[in-house]
Each structure stands twice: as structure tokens, then as C-alpha cells.
Amino acid sequence: MKKTGFILVMVLLLSGYTTRVHGESSVGFSGGIMVHAGYLFSDDPTKVFSNTGLGSAEYVKGLPKAGACYGIGGTLRLHLIDHIHVGAEGFLSGLPLRGVSKGSNVRTGWAGAFCDYYTTWGSRVQPIAGLSVGGGTMKRLFVTEPVTSGASESQTNYNASYVNTPFFYMDPYVGLEINLNEFIALLIRIDYMLPFGRTKSDLASLESDVKWSNFMTPSGPRLHVGVLLGKLRNE
């Protein structure tokens, strides 16, 4: 993680230096780090954990169907023509599940390519709208509180479930880019990622006859806030 972060910082600094030197060109790079918070939800707790076996047990009662998530990500953009950005981005996001034992969570990582359109309000504010497509994985861990049973107190039973589900996604977004100066901007963005992955109604056949067209949950809106470095708009 430290090595990846160092490489990303160097790329961002290099992109900013490149655009400063070639400031007269309409082609430039920019990028930055974003943090996010959001609210994800599902219509069924068994879909949150991707485990229909929970539905036939008493554990499904009271399981959470929604919660607040948070995470971090990064983006790198190429300014090809006026009013158009293309680039790549990646994110990590965690959803702690309250109301279950400590440790139950849904963790999502995804990365892809994007294209967006922007216009200008005044000299500093740029509304943007775009779409990102790519792939990722959703890791769901469900752990109940340990239950001690039997003659010995050392005999403890657990009911745990771990499912790692790959997916592809479409992620429409809108936002505002506020230019603090020619090379630094604040980015505020709202998106709603739509993941599609392998889900089955029959847990026993999870590995066979998989349908990738099924919409996965939990899903919901996220608010991203970040700082961008580079040449932020074409002249």
C-alpha cells in the first residue's frame, strides 16, 4: 500500500509539472485523491450477505438491510478536447454492519475507465456529468455472536458466512469542480454505482450456471470529495 501510494503521488506531481511546462497546450493531465461516504441498501438481508441459507435460519431476523459506507479512491484524467475528460479511477469502500456481531461487513473494491463532459459557470466552477465502467469484487462477511453450548463452556458454535463476488459495473455521476487556482481544484461528486454479478437463488449451485446479468446489492449513492492537481481546463 505504501509503494502504491508513493507511485500515485509521483504520477500526480509529474502530471502537474508536465502541464505547467506545456501550459499553452489544450492537452493536459490531472488527477487526485478522493474520500467518500454513502448509504447502501438492499430489499433483503440475504442479498446483503449473498447467502440464501441465512433465510432458512433464525439468524435472518433482525439482520441489517442498509447502512453507511466510507472509503477512498483516486483518479487520473486526460484532457483531450475542450469540455471532455477521459481517464481511469479506482476505489475501496467499507460497509460496517451494525446490529450484527463485531466484524460483519461488506467491502467493495472497483476500478475502471470513465468519460465525462463539463461546462463552465463563471471563471471557477465547472459542472460535470459522466459515466464510469469497469469491474470489481464485493467481499461479504457475516459473523454472529458466538454461542456456547454443550456440556463444556469451551465448546463454542459460530455461524459465519464469507462470499467473494466479482462484478462489472456502470457508474453514472454528476458533480462540481471548483478551481482554486490554475493547477488545484476541489472536486465534489455524487454517483450511484450499478454492480452486476453472479448471484444465485440456489446457494448449493452458486458455482454453476452463474448469471452475470443480476443486479447486486447493497448499492446506493456515494458522495466523493477530493483535491485535483494538474492543468484543470483547456485554454
C-alpha atoms as a PDB file:
ATOM      1  CA  MET A   1       0.000   0.000   0.000  1.00  0.00           C
ATOM      2  CA  LYS A   2       2.850   2.410   0.793  1.00  0.00           C
ATOM      3  CA  LYS A   3       4.540   1.661  -2.527  1.00  0.00           C
ATOM      4  CA  THR A   4       1.275   2.143  -4.438  1.00  0.00           C
ATOM      5  CA  GLY A   5       0.607   5.436  -2.673  1.00  0.00           C
ATOM      6  CA  PHE A   6       4.137   6.679  -3.436  1.00  0.00           C
ATOM      7  CA  ILE A   7       3.750   5.825  -7.131  1.00  0.00           C
ATOM      8  CA  LEU A   8       0.378   7.594  -7.302  1.00  0.00           C
ATOM      9  CA  VAL A   9       1.774  10.742  -5.670  1.00  0.00           C
ATOM     10  CA  MET A  10       4.721  10.772  -8.101  1.00  0.00           C
ATOM     11  CA  VAL A  11       2.378  10.398 -11.081  1.00  0.00           C
ATOM     12  CA  LEU A  12       0.245  13.280  -9.849  1.00  0.00           C
ATOM     13  CA  LEU A  13       3.259  15.529  -9.284  1.00  0.00           C
ATOM     14  CA  LEU A  14       4.650  14.640 -12.715  1.00  0.00           C
ATOM     15  CA  SER A  15       1.324  15.363 -14.372  1.00  0.00           C
ATOM     16  CA  GLY A  16       1.160  18.767 -12.664  1.00  0.00           C
ATOM     17  CA  TYR A  17       4.741  19.575 -13.706  1.00  0.00           C
ATOM     18  CA  THR A  18       4.056  18.497 -17.297  1.00  0.00           C
ATOM     19  CA  THR A  19       1.016  20.715 -17.615  1.00  0.00           C
ATOM     20  CA  ARG A  20       2.830  23.699 -16.093  1.00  0.00           C
ATOM     21  CA  VAL A  21       5.614  23.387 -18.670  1.00  0.00           C
ATOM     22  CA  HIS A  22       3.169  22.947 -21.531  1.00  0.00           C
ATOM     23  CA  GLY A  23       0.571  25.343 -20.247  1.00  0.00           C
ATOM     24  CA  GLU A  24      -0.168  26.681 -23.725  1.00  0.00           C
ATOM     25  CA  SER A  25      -1.348  23.300 -24.979  1.00  0.00           C
ATOM     26  CA  SER A  26      -5.009  22.269 -24.906  1.00  0.00           C
ATOM     27  CA  VAL A  27      -3.922  18.747 -23.907  1.00  0.00           C
ATOM     28  CA  GLY A  28      -3.113  18.077 -20.265  1.00  0.00           C
ATOM     29  CA  PHE A  29      -3.365  15.687 -17.337  1.00  0.00           C
ATOM     30  CA  SER A  30      -4.854  15.969 -13.889  1.00  0.00           C
ATOM     31  CA  GLY A  31      -5.577  13.645 -11.009  1.00  0.00           C
ATOM     32  CA  GLY A  32      -6.068  13.370  -7.306  1.00  0.00           C
ATOM     33  CA  ILE A  33      -7.293  11.539  -4.240  1.00  0.00           C
ATOM     34  CA  MET A  34     -10.946  11.369  -3.167  1.00  0.00           C
ATOM     35  CA  VAL A  35     -12.655  10.249   0.030  1.00  0.00           C
ATOM     36  CA  HIS A  36     -16.295   9.258   0.103  1.00  0.00           C
ATOM     37  CA  ALA A  37     -19.257   8.439   2.298  1.00  0.00           C
ATOM     38  CA  GLY A  38     -22.576   6.984   1.255  1.00  0.00           C
ATOM     39  CA  TYR A  39     -25.656   4.973   2.094  1.00  0.00           C
ATOM     40  CA  LEU A  40     -26.110   1.454   0.706  1.00  0.00           C
ATOM     41  CA  PHE A  41     -29.261  -0.627   0.961  1.00  0.00           C
ATOM     42  CA  SER A  42     -30.993  -3.804  -0.139  1.00  0.00           C
ATOM     43  CA  ASP A  43     -34.547  -5.106  -0.012  1.00  0.00           C
ATOM     44  CA  ASP A  44     -33.470  -8.373   1.659  1.00  0.00           C
ATOM     45  CA  PRO A  45     -30.753  -9.158   4.257  1.00  0.00           C
ATOM     46  CA  THR A  46     -29.903 -12.402   2.450  1.00  0.00           C
ATOM     47  CA  LYS A  47     -28.927 -10.323  -0.610  1.00  0.00           C
ATOM     48  CA  VAL A  48     -26.632  -8.183   1.534  1.00  0.00           C
ATOM     49  CA  PHE A  49     -24.700 -11.291   2.552  1.00  0.00           C
ATOM     50  CA  SER A  50     -25.301 -13.177  -0.735  1.00  0.00           C
ATOM     51  CA  ASN A  51     -26.279 -16.233   1.266  1.00  0.00           C
ATOM     52  CA  THR A  52     -29.809 -17.584   0.883  1.00  0.00           C
ATOM     53  CA  GLY A  53     -29.028 -20.195   3.515  1.00  0.00           C
ATOM     54  CA  LEU A  54     -29.474 -17.495   6.140  1.00  0.00           C
ATOM     55  CA  GLY A  55     -33.098 -17.124   5.112  1.00  0.00           C
ATOM     56  CA  SER A  56     -33.988 -20.554   6.430  1.00  0.00           C
ATOM     57  CA  ALA A  57     -32.499 -19.888   9.865  1.00  0.00           C
ATOM     58  CA  GLU A  58     -33.392 -17.693  12.787  1.00  0.00           C
ATOM     59  CA  TYR A  59     -30.351 -15.502  12.039  1.00  0.00           C
ATOM     60  CA  VAL A  60     -32.167 -13.606   9.292  1.00  0.00           C
ATOM     61  CA  LYS A  61     -34.417 -11.947  11.875  1.00  0.00           C
ATOM     62  CA  GLY A  62     -33.102  -8.503  12.662  1.00  0.00           C
ATOM     63  CA  LEU A  63     -30.259  -8.574  10.131  1.00  0.00           C
ATOM     64  CA  PRO A  64     -29.482  -5.137   8.664  1.00  0.00           C
ATOM     65  CA  LYS A  65     -30.550  -4.320   5.108  1.00  0.00           C
ATOM     66  CA  ALA A  66     -28.790  -0.942   4.892  1.00  0.00           C
ATOM     67  CA  GLY A  67     -26.005   1.146   6.354  1.00  0.00           C
ATOM     68  CA  ALA A  68     -23.471   3.935   5.910  1.00  0.00           C
ATOM     69  CA  CYS A  69     -20.285   3.244   3.953  1.00  0.00           C
ATOM     70  CA  TYR A  70     -16.999   5.112   3.660  1.00  0.00           C
ATOM     71  CA  GLY A  71     -13.778   4.786   1.677  1.00  0.00           C
ATOM     72  CA  ILE A  72     -11.083   6.283  -0.501  1.00  0.00           C
ATOM     73  CA  GLY A  73     -10.117   6.345  -4.163  1.00  0.00           C
ATOM     74  CA  GLY A  74      -8.043   8.010  -6.828  1.00  0.00           C
ATOM     75  CA  THR A  75      -8.481   9.315 -10.350  1.00  0.00           C
ATOM     76  CA  LEU A  76      -6.226  10.224 -13.287  1.00  0.00           C
ATOM     77  CA  ARG A  77      -7.654  12.197 -16.223  1.00  0.00           C
ATOM     78  CA  LEU A  78      -6.596  13.150 -19.730  1.00  0.00           C
ATOM     79  CA  HIS A  79      -7.921  16.400 -21.226  1.00  0.00           C
ATOM     80  CA  LEU A  80      -8.169  15.588 -24.924  1.00  0.00           C
ATOM     81  CA  ILE A  81     -10.566  18.139 -26.339  1.00  0.00           C
ATOM     82  CA  ASP A  82     -12.499  21.052 -24.934  1.00  0.00           C
ATOM     83  CA  HIS A  83     -15.189  20.012 -22.411  1.00  0.00           C
ATOM     84  CA  ILE A  84     -14.210  16.315 -22.365  1.00  0.00           C
ATOM     85  CA  HIS A  85     -12.256  14.270 -19.775  1.00  0.00           C
ATOM     86  CA  VAL A  86     -11.289  10.614 -20.184  1.00  0.00           C
ATOM     87  CA  GLY A  87      -9.351   8.623 -17.619  1.00  0.00           C
ATOM     88  CA  ALA A  88      -9.171   5.828 -15.059  1.00  0.00           C
ATOM     89  CA  GLU A  89     -10.151   5.565 -11.413  1.00  0.00           C
ATOM     90  CA  GLY A  90     -10.241   3.077  -8.559  1.00  0.00           C
ATOM     91  CA  PHE A  91     -11.914   2.904  -5.136  1.00  0.00           C
ATOM     92  CA  LEU A  92     -12.117   0.923  -1.903  1.00  0.00           C
ATOM     93  CA  SER A  93     -15.257   1.147   0.239  1.00  0.00           C
ATOM     94  CA  GLY A  94     -16.358  -0.462   3.500  1.00  0.00           C
ATOM     95  CA  LEU A  95     -19.829  -1.002   4.958  1.00  0.00           C
ATOM     96  CA  PRO A  96     -19.764  -1.991   8.668  1.00  0.00           C
ATOM     97  CA  LEU A  97     -22.979  -3.805   9.543  1.00  0.00           C
ATOM     98  CA  ARG A  98     -24.462  -2.630  12.815  1.00  0.00           C
ATOM     99  CA  GLY A  99     -26.812  -4.838  14.711  1.00  0.00           C
ATOM    100  CA  VAL A 100     -24.716  -7.936  13.973  1.00  0.00           C
ATOM    101  CA  SER A 101     -21.649  -9.123  15.837  1.00  0.00           C
ATOM    102  CA  LYS A 102     -18.479  -7.078  15.573  1.00  0.00           C
ATOM    103  CA  GLY A 103     -16.685  -7.850  12.316  1.00  0.00           C
ATOM    104  CA  SER A 104     -19.625  -8.344   9.958  1.00  0.00           C
ATOM    105  CA  ASN A 105     -19.143  -6.105   6.929  1.00  0.00           C
ATOM    106  CA  VAL A 106     -19.282  -5.675   3.185  1.00  0.00           C
ATOM    107  CA  ARG A 107     -16.072  -4.486   1.485  1.00  0.00           C
ATOM    108  CA  THR A 108     -16.062  -3.403  -2.142  1.00  0.00           C
ATOM    109  CA  GLY A 109     -13.167  -2.600  -4.461  1.00  0.00           C
ATOM    110  CA  TRP A 110     -13.595  -1.464  -8.052  1.00  0.00           C
ATOM    111  CA  ALA A 111     -11.702   0.210 -10.889  1.00  0.00           C
ATOM    112  CA  GLY A 112     -12.496   1.282 -14.413  1.00  0.00           C
ATOM    113  CA  ALA A 113     -12.385   3.861 -17.171  1.00  0.00           C
ATOM    114  CA  PHE A 114     -14.575   6.937 -17.442  1.00  0.00           C
ATOM    115  CA  CYS A 115     -15.579   9.767 -19.730  1.00  0.00           C
ATOM    116  CA  ASP A 116     -17.314  12.958 -18.649  1.00  0.00           C
ATOM    117  CA  TYR A 117     -18.493  16.244 -20.075  1.00  0.00           C
ATOM    118  CA  TYR A 118     -18.035  19.578 -18.325  1.00  0.00           C
ATOM    119  CA  THR A 119     -19.099  23.141 -18.883  1.00  0.00           C
ATOM    120  CA  THR A 120     -18.221  26.374 -17.057  1.00  0.00           C
ATOM    121  CA  TRP A 121     -20.121  28.586 -14.627  1.00  0.00           C
ATOM    122  CA  GLY A 122     -18.151  31.792 -14.326  1.00  0.00           C
ATOM    123  CA  SER A 123     -14.376  31.528 -14.079  1.00  0.00           C
ATOM    124  CA  ARG A 124     -14.035  28.893 -11.340  1.00  0.00           C
ATOM    125  CA  VAL A 125     -16.954  26.442 -11.245  1.00  0.00           C
ATOM    126  CA  GLN A 126     -17.363  23.565 -13.699  1.00  0.00           C
ATOM    127  CA  PRO A 127     -20.404  21.244 -13.549  1.00  0.00           C
ATOM    128  CA  ILE A 128     -19.578  17.733 -14.767  1.00  0.00           C
ATOM    129  CA  ALA A 129     -21.591  14.663 -15.774  1.00  0.00           C
ATOM    130  CA  GLY A 130     -20.153  11.339 -16.803  1.00  0.00           C
ATOM    131  CA  LEU A 131     -20.103   7.571 -16.738  1.00  0.00           C
ATOM    132  CA  SER A 132     -17.534   5.073 -15.458  1.00  0.00           C
ATOM    133  CA  VAL A 133     -17.449   1.382 -16.445  1.00  0.00           C
ATOM    134  CA  GLY A 134     -15.236  -1.412 -15.140  1.00  0.00           C
ATOM    135  CA  GLY A 135     -15.123  -4.273 -12.676  1.00  0.00           C
ATOM    136  CA  GLY A 136     -14.513  -5.153  -9.055  1.00  0.00           C
ATOM    137  CA  THR A 137     -15.192  -7.523  -6.191  1.00  0.00           C
ATOM    138  CA  MET A 138     -17.618  -7.453  -3.275  1.00  0.00           C
ATOM    139  CA  LYS A 139     -16.475  -9.286  -0.128  1.00  0.00           C
ATOM    140  CA  ARG A 140     -19.249 -10.045   2.365  1.00  0.00           C
ATOM    141  CA  LEU A 141     -18.515 -11.315   5.856  1.00  0.00           C
ATOM    142  CA  PHE A 142     -21.308 -12.305   8.213  1.00  0.00           C
ATOM    143  CA  VAL A 143     -20.431 -13.390  11.767  1.00  0.00           C
ATOM    144  CA  THR A 144     -22.958 -13.898  14.536  1.00  0.00           C
ATOM    145  CA  GLU A 145     -22.173 -13.609  18.208  1.00  0.00           C
ATOM    146  CA  PRO A 146     -20.586 -16.858  19.446  1.00  0.00           C
ATOM    147  CA  VAL A 147     -22.980 -19.241  21.159  1.00  0.00           C
ATOM    148  CA  THR A 148     -21.657 -21.541  23.880  1.00  0.00           C
ATOM    149  CA  SER A 149     -23.431 -24.877  24.047  1.00  0.00           C
ATOM    150  CA  GLY A 150     -22.898 -28.410  25.264  1.00  0.00           C
ATOM    151  CA  ALA A 151     -21.536 -29.712  28.487  1.00  0.00           C
ATOM    152  CA  SER A 152     -18.319 -27.752  28.298  1.00  0.00           C
ATOM    153  CA  GLU A 153     -18.139 -23.950  28.265  1.00  0.00           C
ATOM    154  CA  SER A 154     -15.166 -24.220  25.924  1.00  0.00           C
ATOM    155  CA  GLN A 155     -17.423 -25.674  23.227  1.00  0.00           C
ATOM    156  CA  THR A 156     -18.498 -22.687  21.136  1.00  0.00           C
ATOM    157  CA  ASN A 157     -20.574 -22.643  17.973  1.00  0.00           C
ATOM    158  CA  TYR A 158     -20.336 -19.962  15.288  1.00  0.00           C
ATOM    159  CA  ASN A 159     -22.474 -19.282  12.244  1.00  0.00           C
ATOM    160  CA  ALA A 160     -20.272 -17.446   9.744  1.00  0.00           C
ATOM    161  CA  SER A 161     -20.501 -16.764   6.036  1.00  0.00           C
ATOM    162  CA  TYR A 162     -17.890 -15.319   3.665  1.00  0.00           C
ATOM    163  CA  VAL A 163     -18.669 -14.711  -0.008  1.00  0.00           C
ATOM    164  CA  ASN A 164     -16.341 -13.042  -2.540  1.00  0.00           C
ATOM    165  CA  THR A 165     -18.332 -11.953  -5.591  1.00  0.00           C
ATOM    166  CA  PRO A 166     -16.792 -10.433  -8.751  1.00  0.00           C
ATOM    167  CA  PHE A 167     -18.862  -7.948 -10.730  1.00  0.00           C
ATOM    168  CA  PHE A 168     -18.850  -5.490 -13.569  1.00  0.00           C
ATOM    169  CA  TYR A 169     -20.445  -2.089 -13.154  1.00  0.00           C
ATOM    170  CA  MET A 170     -21.765   1.115 -14.657  1.00  0.00           C
ATOM    171  CA  ASP A 171     -21.397   4.226 -12.528  1.00  0.00           C
ATOM    172  CA  PRO A 172     -23.195   7.422 -13.609  1.00  0.00           C
ATOM    173  CA  TYR A 173     -22.179  10.568 -11.746  1.00  0.00           C
ATOM    174  CA  VAL A 174     -22.618  14.329 -11.564  1.00  0.00           C
ATOM    175  CA  GLY A 175     -20.568  16.888  -9.720  1.00  0.00           C
ATOM    176  CA  LEU A 176     -18.871  20.234  -9.419  1.00  0.00           C
ATOM    177  CA  GLU A 177     -15.221  21.076  -9.939  1.00  0.00           C
ATOM    178  CA  ILE A 178     -14.185  24.287  -8.196  1.00  0.00           C
ATOM    179  CA  ASN A 179     -10.911  25.753  -9.465  1.00  0.00           C
ATOM    180  CA  LEU A 180      -8.933  27.175  -6.554  1.00  0.00           C
ATOM    181  CA  ASN A 181      -6.255  28.314  -8.989  1.00  0.00           C
ATOM    182  CA  GLU A 182      -4.937  27.238 -12.395  1.00  0.00           C
ATOM    183  CA  PHE A 183      -3.479  23.976 -11.103  1.00  0.00           C
ATOM    184  CA  ILE A 184      -5.507  22.979  -7.987  1.00  0.00           C
ATOM    185  CA  ALA A 185      -9.224  22.232  -7.767  1.00  0.00           C
ATOM    186  CA  LEU A 186     -11.764  20.845  -5.332  1.00  0.00           C
ATOM    187  CA  LEU A 187     -13.947  18.058  -6.777  1.00  0.00           C
ATOM    188  CA  ILE A 188     -17.379  17.248  -5.319  1.00  0.00           C
ATOM    189  CA  ARG A 189     -19.117  14.299  -6.958  1.00  0.00           C
ATOM    190  CA  ILE A 190     -22.228  12.180  -6.377  1.00  0.00           C
ATOM    191  CA  ASP A 191     -22.509   8.766  -8.017  1.00  0.00           C
ATOM    192  CA  TYR A 192     -24.687   5.674  -7.916  1.00  0.00           C
ATOM    193  CA  MET A 193     -22.728   2.557  -8.832  1.00  0.00           C
ATOM    194  CA  LEU A 194     -24.765  -0.209 -10.516  1.00  0.00           C
ATOM    195  CA  PRO A 195     -22.960  -3.552  -9.983  1.00  0.00           C
ATOM    196  CA  PHE A 196     -23.932  -6.694 -11.920  1.00  0.00           C
ATOM    197  CA  GLY A 197     -22.507 -10.012 -10.817  1.00  0.00           C
ATOM    198  CA  ARG A 198     -23.021 -13.683 -10.175  1.00  0.00           C
ATOM    199  CA  THR A 199     -25.920 -14.220  -7.834  1.00  0.00           C
ATOM    200  CA  LYS A 200     -27.995 -17.364  -7.433  1.00  0.00           C
ATOM    201  CA  SER A 201     -31.285 -18.105  -5.761  1.00  0.00           C
ATOM    202  CA  ASP A 202     -29.966 -21.584  -5.019  1.00  0.00           C
ATOM    203  CA  LEU A 203     -26.927 -21.415  -2.713  1.00  0.00           C
ATOM    204  CA  ALA A 204     -25.948 -25.030  -3.437  1.00  0.00           C
ATOM    205  CA  SER A 205     -25.351 -24.233  -7.107  1.00  0.00           C
ATOM    206  CA  LEU A 206     -23.556 -20.922  -6.566  1.00  0.00           C
ATOM    207  CA  GLU A 207     -20.537 -22.032  -8.620  1.00  0.00           C
ATOM    208  CA  SER A 208     -22.522 -23.418 -11.566  1.00  0.00           C
ATOM    209  CA  ASP A 209     -24.849 -21.900 -14.132  1.00  0.00           C
ATOM    210  CA  VAL A 210     -23.999 -18.386 -12.951  1.00  0.00           C
ATOM    211  CA  LYS A 211     -25.942 -15.389 -14.260  1.00  0.00           C
ATOM    212  CA  TRP A 212     -23.802 -12.255 -14.569  1.00  0.00           C
ATOM    213  CA  SER A 213     -26.744 -10.052 -15.519  1.00  0.00           C
ATOM    214  CA  ASN A 214     -28.189  -9.974 -11.998  1.00  0.00           C
ATOM    215  CA  PHE A 215     -28.148  -6.647 -10.166  1.00  0.00           C
ATOM    216  CA  MET A 216     -26.210  -6.870  -6.896  1.00  0.00           C
ATOM    217  CA  THR A 217     -26.988  -5.225  -3.573  1.00  0.00           C
ATOM    218  CA  PRO A 218     -26.289  -3.480  -1.284  1.00  0.00           C
ATOM    219  CA  SER A 219     -25.992  -0.452  -3.524  1.00  0.00           C
ATOM    220  CA  GLY A 220     -26.699   3.234  -3.214  1.00  0.00           C
ATOM    221  CA  PRO A 221     -25.381   6.785  -3.637  1.00  0.00           C
ATOM    222  CA  ARG A 222     -21.928   7.959  -2.564  1.00  0.00           C
ATOM    223  CA  LEU A 223     -20.634  11.491  -2.076  1.00  0.00           C
ATOM    224  CA  HIS A 224     -16.978  11.944  -3.087  1.00  0.00           C
ATOM    225  CA  VAL A 225     -14.817  14.926  -2.138  1.00  0.00           C
ATOM    226  CA  GLY A 226     -11.259  15.274  -3.412  1.00  0.00           C
ATOM    227  CA  VAL A 227      -8.406  17.511  -4.472  1.00  0.00           C
ATOM    228  CA  LEU A 228      -7.117  17.550  -8.063  1.00  0.00           C
ATOM    229  CA  LEU A 229      -3.695  18.632  -9.282  1.00  0.00           C
ATOM    230  CA  GLY A 230      -2.701  19.492 -12.834  1.00  0.00           C
ATOM    231  CA  LYS A 231      -3.930  21.568 -15.738  1.00  0.00           C
ATOM    232  CA  LEU A 232      -7.575  21.690 -14.888  1.00  0.00           C
ATOM    233  CA  ARG A 233      -9.131  23.105 -18.017  1.00  0.00           C
ATOM    234  CA  ASN A 234      -8.286  23.789 -21.602  1.00  0.00           C
ATOM    235  CA  GLU A 235      -7.391  27.241 -22.745  1.00  0.00           C
END
